[in-house]
Amino acid sequence: MTCPICQKPTDPAFRPFCSARCADIDLGRWFNEDYAIPAREEDPDETPDLPTSENPRKG
């Protein structure tokens, strides 16, 4: 397995990175929002109706 930052072999102590430096670089990229988890825009017409304040499970 290679480090995703510098492509060197990984070190078990810092896996999946090769060093603390590469781990810190990756963390900085998350903090700077260089990485993002894709999100899907929701269409308000497609969202299900939420239950009312009454509990539908109470009989």
N, C-alpha and C. Protein backbone atom coordinates (compact mmCIF):
# COMPACT_ATOMS: atom_id res chain seq x y z
N MET A 1 0.85 -1.17 0.00
CA MET A 1 0.00 0.00 0.00
C MET A 1 0.90 1.24 0.00
N THR A 2 0.50 2.24 -0.77
CA THR A 2 1.29 3.47 -0.83
C THR A 2 0.53 4.62 -0.19
N CYS A 3 1.30 5.59 0.27
CA CYS A 3 0.75 6.79 0.89
C CYS A 3 -0.06 7.57 -0.15
N PRO A 4 -1.28 8.01 0.19
CA PRO A 4 -2.08 8.75 -0.79
C PRO A 4 -1.55 10.16 -1.06
N ILE A 5 -0.63 10.64 -0.23
CA ILE A 5 -0.09 11.99 -0.42
C ILE A 5 1.17 11.97 -1.28
N CYS A 6 2.15 11.11 -0.91
CA CYS A 6 3.44 11.14 -1.61
C CYS A 6 3.78 9.85 -2.35
N GLN A 7 2.94 8.84 -2.25
CA GLN A 7 3.10 7.56 -2.94
C GLN A 7 4.24 6.70 -2.41
N LYS A 8 4.84 7.04 -1.25
CA LYS A 8 5.86 6.18 -0.63
C LYS A 8 5.16 5.03 0.08
N PRO A 9 5.89 3.96 0.40
CA PRO A 9 5.28 2.86 1.17
C PRO A 9 4.78 3.36 2.53
N THR A 10 3.68 2.81 2.99
CA THR A 10 3.11 3.25 4.25
C THR A 10 3.88 2.71 5.44
N ASP A 11 3.72 3.41 6.56
CA ASP A 11 4.30 2.99 7.84
C ASP A 11 3.14 2.57 8.72
N PRO A 12 3.20 1.39 9.32
CA PRO A 12 2.07 0.93 10.15
C PRO A 12 1.67 1.93 11.24
N ALA A 13 2.60 2.70 11.74
CA ALA A 13 2.29 3.68 12.79
C ALA A 13 1.43 4.82 12.27
N PHE A 14 1.48 5.09 10.97
CA PHE A 14 0.75 6.23 10.40
C PHE A 14 -0.21 5.81 9.30
N ARG A 15 -0.48 4.54 9.18
CA ARG A 15 -1.29 4.01 8.10
C ARG A 15 -2.61 4.74 7.98
N PRO A 16 -3.05 5.14 6.84
CA PRO A 16 -2.60 4.77 5.50
C PRO A 16 -1.51 5.69 4.95
N PHE A 17 -0.88 6.47 5.82
CA PHE A 17 0.16 7.41 5.39
C PHE A 17 1.54 6.85 5.69
N CYS A 18 2.58 7.53 5.19
CA CYS A 18 3.95 7.07 5.43
C CYS A 18 4.57 7.78 6.62
N SER A 19 3.99 8.92 7.01
CA SER A 19 4.59 9.70 8.09
C SER A 19 3.54 10.63 8.71
N ALA A 20 3.91 11.22 9.84
CA ALA A 20 3.03 12.19 10.48
C ALA A 20 2.85 13.41 9.58
N ARG A 21 3.89 13.76 8.84
CA ARG A 21 3.83 14.91 7.93
C ARG A 21 2.72 14.71 6.89
N CYS A 22 2.69 13.56 6.25
CA CYS A 22 1.67 13.30 5.24
C CYS A 22 0.28 13.23 5.87
N ALA A 23 0.18 12.68 7.08
CA ALA A 23 -1.12 12.65 7.77
C ALA A 23 -1.59 14.07 8.06
N ASP A 24 -0.66 14.96 8.46
CA ASP A 24 -1.02 16.35 8.73
C ASP A 24 -1.41 17.09 7.46
N ILE A 25 -0.74 16.80 6.36
CA ILE A 25 -1.11 17.41 5.08
C ILE A 25 -2.54 17.02 4.72
N ASP A 26 -2.87 15.74 4.87
CA ASP A 26 -4.22 15.27 4.57
C ASP A 26 -5.25 15.94 5.47
N LEU A 27 -4.95 16.03 6.77
CA LEU A 27 -5.87 16.68 7.70
C LEU A 27 -6.08 18.14 7.32
N GLY A 28 -5.00 18.82 6.95
CA GLY A 28 -5.12 20.21 6.51
C GLY A 28 -6.00 20.36 5.28
N ARG A 29 -5.93 19.40 4.38
CA ARG A 29 -6.79 19.44 3.19
C ARG A 29 -8.26 19.31 3.58
N TRP A 30 -8.56 18.47 4.58
CA TRP A 30 -9.95 18.36 5.05
C TRP A 30 -10.38 19.68 5.69
N PHE A 31 -9.51 20.27 6.53
CA PHE A 31 -9.86 21.53 7.20
C PHE A 31 -10.06 22.66 6.20
N ASN A 32 -9.29 22.66 5.12
CA ASN A 32 -9.42 23.70 4.09
C ASN A 32 -10.54 23.41 3.10
N GLU A 33 -11.25 22.31 3.34
CA GLU A 33 -12.35 21.87 2.48
C GLU A 33 -11.89 21.59 1.05
N ASP A 34 -10.64 21.11 0.92
CA ASP A 34 -10.16 20.67 -0.39
C ASP A 34 -10.83 19.36 -0.78
N TYR A 35 -11.23 18.59 0.22
CA TYR A 35 -11.97 17.35 0.01
C TYR A 35 -13.43 17.62 0.35
N ALA A 36 -14.32 16.96 -0.33
CA ALA A 36 -15.74 17.11 -0.02
C ALA A 36 -16.44 15.79 -0.32
N ILE A 37 -17.43 15.50 0.48
CA ILE A 37 -18.26 14.34 0.25
C ILE A 37 -19.42 14.81 -0.62
N PRO A 38 -19.60 14.20 -1.79
CA PRO A 38 -20.65 14.68 -2.69
C PRO A 38 -22.04 14.55 -2.06
N ALA A 39 -22.83 15.55 -2.30
CA ALA A 39 -24.20 15.55 -1.80
C ALA A 39 -25.15 15.74 -2.98
N ARG A 40 -26.33 15.20 -2.84
CA ARG A 40 -27.33 15.31 -3.89
C ARG A 40 -28.32 16.38 -3.47
N GLU A 41 -28.61 17.30 -4.37
CA GLU A 41 -29.62 18.32 -4.10
C GLU A 41 -30.98 17.64 -4.02
N GLU A 42 -31.73 17.98 -3.00
CA GLU A 42 -33.06 17.37 -2.84
C GLU A 42 -34.12 18.26 -3.46
N ASP A 43 -35.02 17.63 -4.17
CA ASP A 43 -36.15 18.32 -4.75
C ASP A 43 -37.26 18.36 -3.70
N PRO A 44 -37.74 19.54 -3.31
CA PRO A 44 -38.77 19.61 -2.27
C PRO A 44 -40.03 18.82 -2.61
N ASP A 45 -40.30 18.64 -3.91
CA ASP A 45 -41.49 17.87 -4.31
C ASP A 45 -41.29 16.37 -4.08
N GLU A 46 -40.03 15.92 -3.98
CA GLU A 46 -39.75 14.50 -3.80
C GLU A 46 -39.52 14.11 -2.35
N THR A 47 -39.36 15.07 -1.46
CA THR A 47 -39.10 14.72 -0.06
C THR A 47 -40.39 14.23 0.58
N PRO A 48 -40.29 13.16 1.36
CA PRO A 48 -41.50 12.63 2.01
C PRO A 48 -42.00 13.60 3.08
N ASP A 49 -43.31 13.56 3.29
CA ASP A 49 -43.90 14.39 4.33
C ASP A 49 -43.46 13.87 5.69
N LEU A 50 -43.10 14.79 6.56
CA LEU A 50 -42.71 14.40 7.91
C LEU A 50 -43.95 14.19 8.75
N PRO A 51 -43.87 13.31 9.74
CA PRO A 51 -45.04 13.09 10.59
C PRO A 51 -45.39 14.37 11.36
N THR A 52 -46.65 14.49 11.68
CA THR A 52 -47.10 15.65 12.45
C THR A 52 -46.65 15.50 13.89
N SER A 53 -46.96 16.48 14.71
CA SER A 53 -46.53 16.44 16.11
C SER A 53 -47.20 15.31 16.89
N GLU A 54 -48.32 14.79 16.37
CA GLU A 54 -48.97 13.66 17.02
C GLU A 54 -48.17 12.40 16.73
N ASN A 55 -48.01 11.56 17.71
CA ASN A 55 -47.26 10.32 17.54
C ASN A 55 -48.17 9.29 16.87
N PRO A 56 -47.87 8.90 15.63
CA PRO A 56 -48.74 7.96 14.92
C PRO A 56 -48.72 6.56 15.54
N ARG A 57 -47.76 6.26 16.39
CA ARG A 57 -47.68 4.93 17.01
C ARG A 57 -48.58 4.82 18.23
N LYS A 58 -48.97 5.93 18.80
CA LYS A 58 -49.88 5.87 19.96
C LYS A 58 -51.27 5.52 19.47
N GLY A 59 -51.90 4.61 20.17
CA GLY A 59 -53.19 4.14 19.70
C GLY A 59 -54.29 4.81 20.37
